[in-house]
């Protein structure tokens, strides 16, 4: 958990964290923000969080205007449910670059984003960058009955080759392990 120090401003490096639950401690302290995949809890939540973190890192408040503008542009209409948060996070990350800051994401294998502002370095971006590939993939097969069947597996594991529909019980794969309908594959989280 030493790498979590990337998210701490110099003045914050001394505060005490609960060693059993460091991530929750950082969320409680306002160093990380937790956002559901479906969107912000309230409009402007990400921008407000980033503004506070920019201040903690001692950067000019002018960067907040760039972040607000980028967030406004990313708030475009026509996005599917679940597309807004990743687009918003990428836009905010791009706006932070001029200040030498970056938005990083802690992945936990669920559908919640845990993000924080950090100094932009090659090492910090490689460890926590927003566009860092997920270590897991989502495999989705929509059964002819309409039931959606999803597997979330590590990249190192083979794709699903057997299983029945959760809704109707139809076998979704033939004897060779090929899905009976197309399988969608995407990064988890």
Protein backbone atom coordinates (compact mmCIF):
# COMPACT_ATOMS: atom_id res chain seq x y z
CA UNK A 1 0.00 0.00 0.00
CA UNK A 2 3.04 2.25 -0.14
CA UNK A 3 1.97 3.36 -3.63
CA UNK A 4 -1.15 4.96 -2.11
CA UNK A 5 1.22 7.75 -1.06
CA UNK A 6 0.91 9.02 -4.65
CA UNK A 7 -2.50 10.37 -3.66
CA UNK A 8 -1.21 12.29 -0.65
CA UNK A 9 0.00 15.88 -0.84
CA UNK A 10 3.26 16.53 1.01
CA UNK A 11 1.46 18.07 4.01
CA UNK A 12 -0.81 15.01 4.29
CA UNK A 13 1.84 12.32 4.45
CA UNK A 14 1.78 12.21 8.24
CA UNK A 15 -1.87 11.58 9.00
CA UNK A 16 -2.76 8.25 10.51
CA UNK A 17 -4.62 5.71 8.39
CA UNK A 18 -6.44 2.63 9.56
CA UNK A 19 -3.97 -0.05 8.48
CA UNK A 20 -6.76 -2.62 8.21
CA UNK A 21 -8.73 -0.48 5.78
CA UNK A 22 -6.47 2.10 4.16
CA UNK A 23 -8.73 2.77 1.17
CA UNK A 24 -11.77 3.47 3.39
CA UNK A 25 -9.58 5.75 5.51
CA UNK A 26 -8.54 7.69 2.42
CA UNK A 27 -12.18 8.00 1.34
CA UNK A 28 -13.22 9.23 4.80
CA UNK A 29 -10.36 11.76 4.80
CA UNK A 30 -11.41 13.07 1.38
CA UNK A 31 -8.22 11.93 -0.35
CA UNK A 32 -10.15 9.49 -2.57
CA UNK A 33 -13.63 9.82 -4.02
CA UNK A 34 -15.92 6.85 -4.54
CA UNK A 35 -18.27 7.07 -7.55
CA UNK A 36 -20.79 4.50 -8.70
CA UNK A 37 -20.49 3.36 -12.34
CA UNK A 38 -23.90 4.84 -13.14
CA UNK A 39 -22.96 8.43 -12.30
CA UNK A 40 -22.22 11.06 -9.70
CA UNK A 41 -24.33 11.18 -6.54
CA UNK A 42 -24.90 14.87 -7.26
CA UNK A 43 -24.00 17.04 -10.26
CA UNK A 44 -20.49 18.47 -9.97
CA UNK A 45 -19.35 15.95 -7.35
CA UNK A 46 -16.14 15.08 -9.23
CA UNK A 47 -15.26 18.72 -9.95
CA UNK A 48 -15.84 19.71 -6.31
CA UNK A 49 -13.63 16.85 -5.12
CA UNK A 50 -10.87 17.68 -7.63
CA UNK A 51 -10.98 21.37 -6.64
CA UNK A 52 -10.26 20.42 -3.02
CA UNK A 53 -7.44 18.10 -4.03
CA UNK A 54 -5.87 20.70 -6.36
CA UNK A 55 -5.80 23.03 -3.37
CA UNK A 56 -4.24 20.31 -1.15
CA UNK A 57 -1.43 19.92 -3.71
CA UNK A 58 -0.86 23.69 -3.59
CA UNK A 59 -1.69 24.27 -7.23
CA UNK A 60 -3.20 27.43 -8.68
CA UNK A 61 -6.99 27.51 -8.43
CA UNK A 62 -7.05 28.47 -12.12
CA UNK A 63 -6.70 24.80 -12.93
CA UNK A 64 -10.14 24.24 -11.40
CA UNK A 65 -11.68 26.35 -14.19
CA UNK A 66 -10.03 24.07 -16.76
CA UNK A 67 -11.36 21.03 -14.89
CA UNK A 68 -14.87 22.53 -14.78
CA UNK A 69 -14.75 23.24 -18.52
CA UNK A 70 -13.50 19.75 -19.35
CA UNK A 71 -16.17 18.18 -17.12
CA UNK A 72 -18.85 20.28 -18.83
CA UNK A 73 -17.72 19.10 -22.26
CA UNK A 74 -17.65 15.48 -21.11
CA UNK A 75 -21.20 15.84 -19.85
CA UNK A 76 -22.44 15.45 -23.42
CA UNK A 77 -25.86 14.13 -24.18
CA UNK A 78 -26.38 10.84 -25.93
CA UNK A 79 -24.08 8.75 -23.76
CA UNK A 80 -25.26 5.35 -22.71
CA UNK A 81 -25.71 4.57 -19.03
CA UNK A 82 -22.27 3.76 -17.62
CA UNK A 83 -20.33 5.72 -20.27
CA UNK A 84 -20.54 9.09 -18.51
CA UNK A 85 -18.23 8.41 -15.57
CA UNK A 86 -15.27 7.08 -17.61
CA UNK A 87 -15.61 9.99 -20.08
CA UNK A 88 -15.74 12.48 -17.21
CA UNK A 89 -12.70 10.96 -15.49
CA UNK A 90 -10.63 10.99 -18.71
CA UNK A 91 -11.57 14.63 -19.39
CA UNK A 92 -10.66 15.70 -15.86
CA UNK A 93 -7.37 13.78 -16.06
CA UNK A 94 -6.49 15.58 -19.31
CA UNK A 95 -7.30 18.99 -17.75
CA UNK A 96 -5.08 18.25 -14.73
CA UNK A 97 -2.03 17.56 -16.93
CA UNK A 98 -1.09 21.25 -17.30
CA UNK A 99 -0.67 21.45 -13.51
CA UNK A 100 1.49 18.32 -13.36
CA UNK A 101 -1.35 16.41 -11.71
CA UNK A 102 -3.26 13.31 -12.77
CA UNK A 103 -6.40 11.48 -11.83
CA UNK A 104 -5.72 7.97 -10.65
CA UNK A 105 -8.09 5.09 -10.08
CA UNK A 106 -7.89 2.25 -7.60
CA UNK A 107 -9.53 -0.82 -9.11
CA UNK A 108 -11.19 -3.32 -6.84
CA UNK A 109 -13.00 -5.65 -9.19
CA UNK A 110 -16.43 -4.12 -8.66
CA UNK A 111 -18.37 -1.43 -10.51
CA UNK A 112 -17.32 1.45 -8.27
CA UNK A 113 -14.63 3.96 -9.20
CA UNK A 114 -12.26 5.07 -6.43
CA UNK A 115 -10.34 8.05 -7.75
CA UNK A 116 -7.83 10.49 -6.41
CA UNK A 117 -5.62 13.32 -7.59
CA UNK A 118 -1.88 12.67 -7.64
CA UNK A 119 1.33 14.13 -9.01
CA UNK A 120 1.69 13.16 -12.68
CA UNK A 121 4.77 11.02 -13.06
CA UNK A 122 5.50 8.02 -15.24
CA UNK A 123 5.47 5.78 -12.15
CA UNK A 124 2.21 7.15 -10.71
CA UNK A 125 0.41 6.93 -14.05
CA UNK A 126 1.64 3.40 -14.65
CA UNK A 127 0.47 2.34 -11.17
CA UNK A 128 -2.85 4.16 -10.99
CA UNK A 129 -3.60 5.93 -14.29
CA UNK A 130 -7.22 6.26 -15.33
CA UNK A 131 -6.65 4.44 -18.62
CA UNK A 132 -4.67 1.59 -17.04
CA UNK A 133 -6.18 -1.63 -18.37
CA UNK A 134 -8.33 -3.57 -15.95
CA UNK A 135 -6.87 -6.86 -14.77
CA UNK A 136 -10.27 -8.43 -15.47
CA UNK A 137 -12.57 -8.83 -18.44
CA UNK A 138 -16.37 -8.95 -18.62
CA UNK A 139 -17.87 -11.57 -20.92
CA UNK A 140 -21.53 -11.05 -21.76
CA UNK A 141 -23.89 -13.39 -23.60
CA UNK A 142 -27.47 -12.25 -24.17
CA UNK A 143 -29.59 -15.38 -24.43
CA UNK A 144 -32.30 -15.64 -27.11
CA UNK A 145 -34.78 -15.36 -24.20
CA UNK A 146 -33.36 -11.89 -23.45
CA UNK A 147 -31.55 -12.89 -20.26
CA UNK A 148 -28.15 -11.25 -19.80
CA UNK A 149 -25.41 -13.59 -18.56
CA UNK A 150 -22.12 -12.05 -17.40
CA UNK A 151 -18.80 -13.53 -16.29
CA UNK A 152 -16.08 -11.34 -14.74
CA UNK A 153 -12.76 -13.15 -15.00
CA UNK A 154 -9.05 -12.30 -14.69
CA UNK A 155 -7.35 -11.66 -18.05
CA UNK A 156 -5.14 -14.66 -17.35
CA UNK A 157 -8.11 -17.03 -17.19
CA UNK A 158 -9.71 -18.63 -20.26
CA UNK A 159 -12.97 -17.17 -21.55
CA UNK A 160 -16.16 -18.98 -20.55
CA UNK A 161 -16.86 -22.13 -22.57
CA UNK A 162 -19.87 -23.56 -20.75
CA UNK A 163 -22.85 -22.40 -18.76
CA UNK A 164 -26.59 -22.07 -18.80
CA UNK A 165 -28.75 -18.97 -19.00
CA UNK A 166 -29.59 -17.64 -15.56
CA UNK A 167 -33.12 -16.83 -16.75
CA UNK A 168 -34.29 -19.83 -18.79
CA UNK A 169 -31.64 -22.53 -18.29
CA UNK A 170 -30.71 -22.81 -21.99
CA UNK A 171 -27.14 -24.07 -22.55
CA UNK A 172 -25.31 -21.01 -23.93
CA UNK A 173 -22.40 -22.96 -25.47
CA UNK A 174 -22.15 -25.80 -27.96
CA UNK A 175 -20.12 -28.96 -27.30
CA UNK A 176 -16.93 -27.26 -28.60
CA UNK A 177 -17.33 -24.40 -26.10
CA UNK A 178 -18.47 -21.85 -28.69
CA UNK A 179 -21.28 -19.51 -27.57
CA UNK A 180 -24.58 -20.10 -29.37
CA UNK A 181 -24.90 -16.30 -29.84
CA UNK A 182 -22.17 -13.67 -29.95
CA UNK A 183 -20.23 -12.98 -26.75
CA UNK A 184 -19.28 -9.37 -25.93
CA UNK A 185 -15.91 -8.84 -24.25
CA UNK A 186 -14.89 -5.63 -22.48
CA UNK A 187 -12.63 -4.40 -19.69
CA UNK A 188 -14.14 -4.75 -16.22
CA UNK A 189 -14.36 -1.63 -14.13
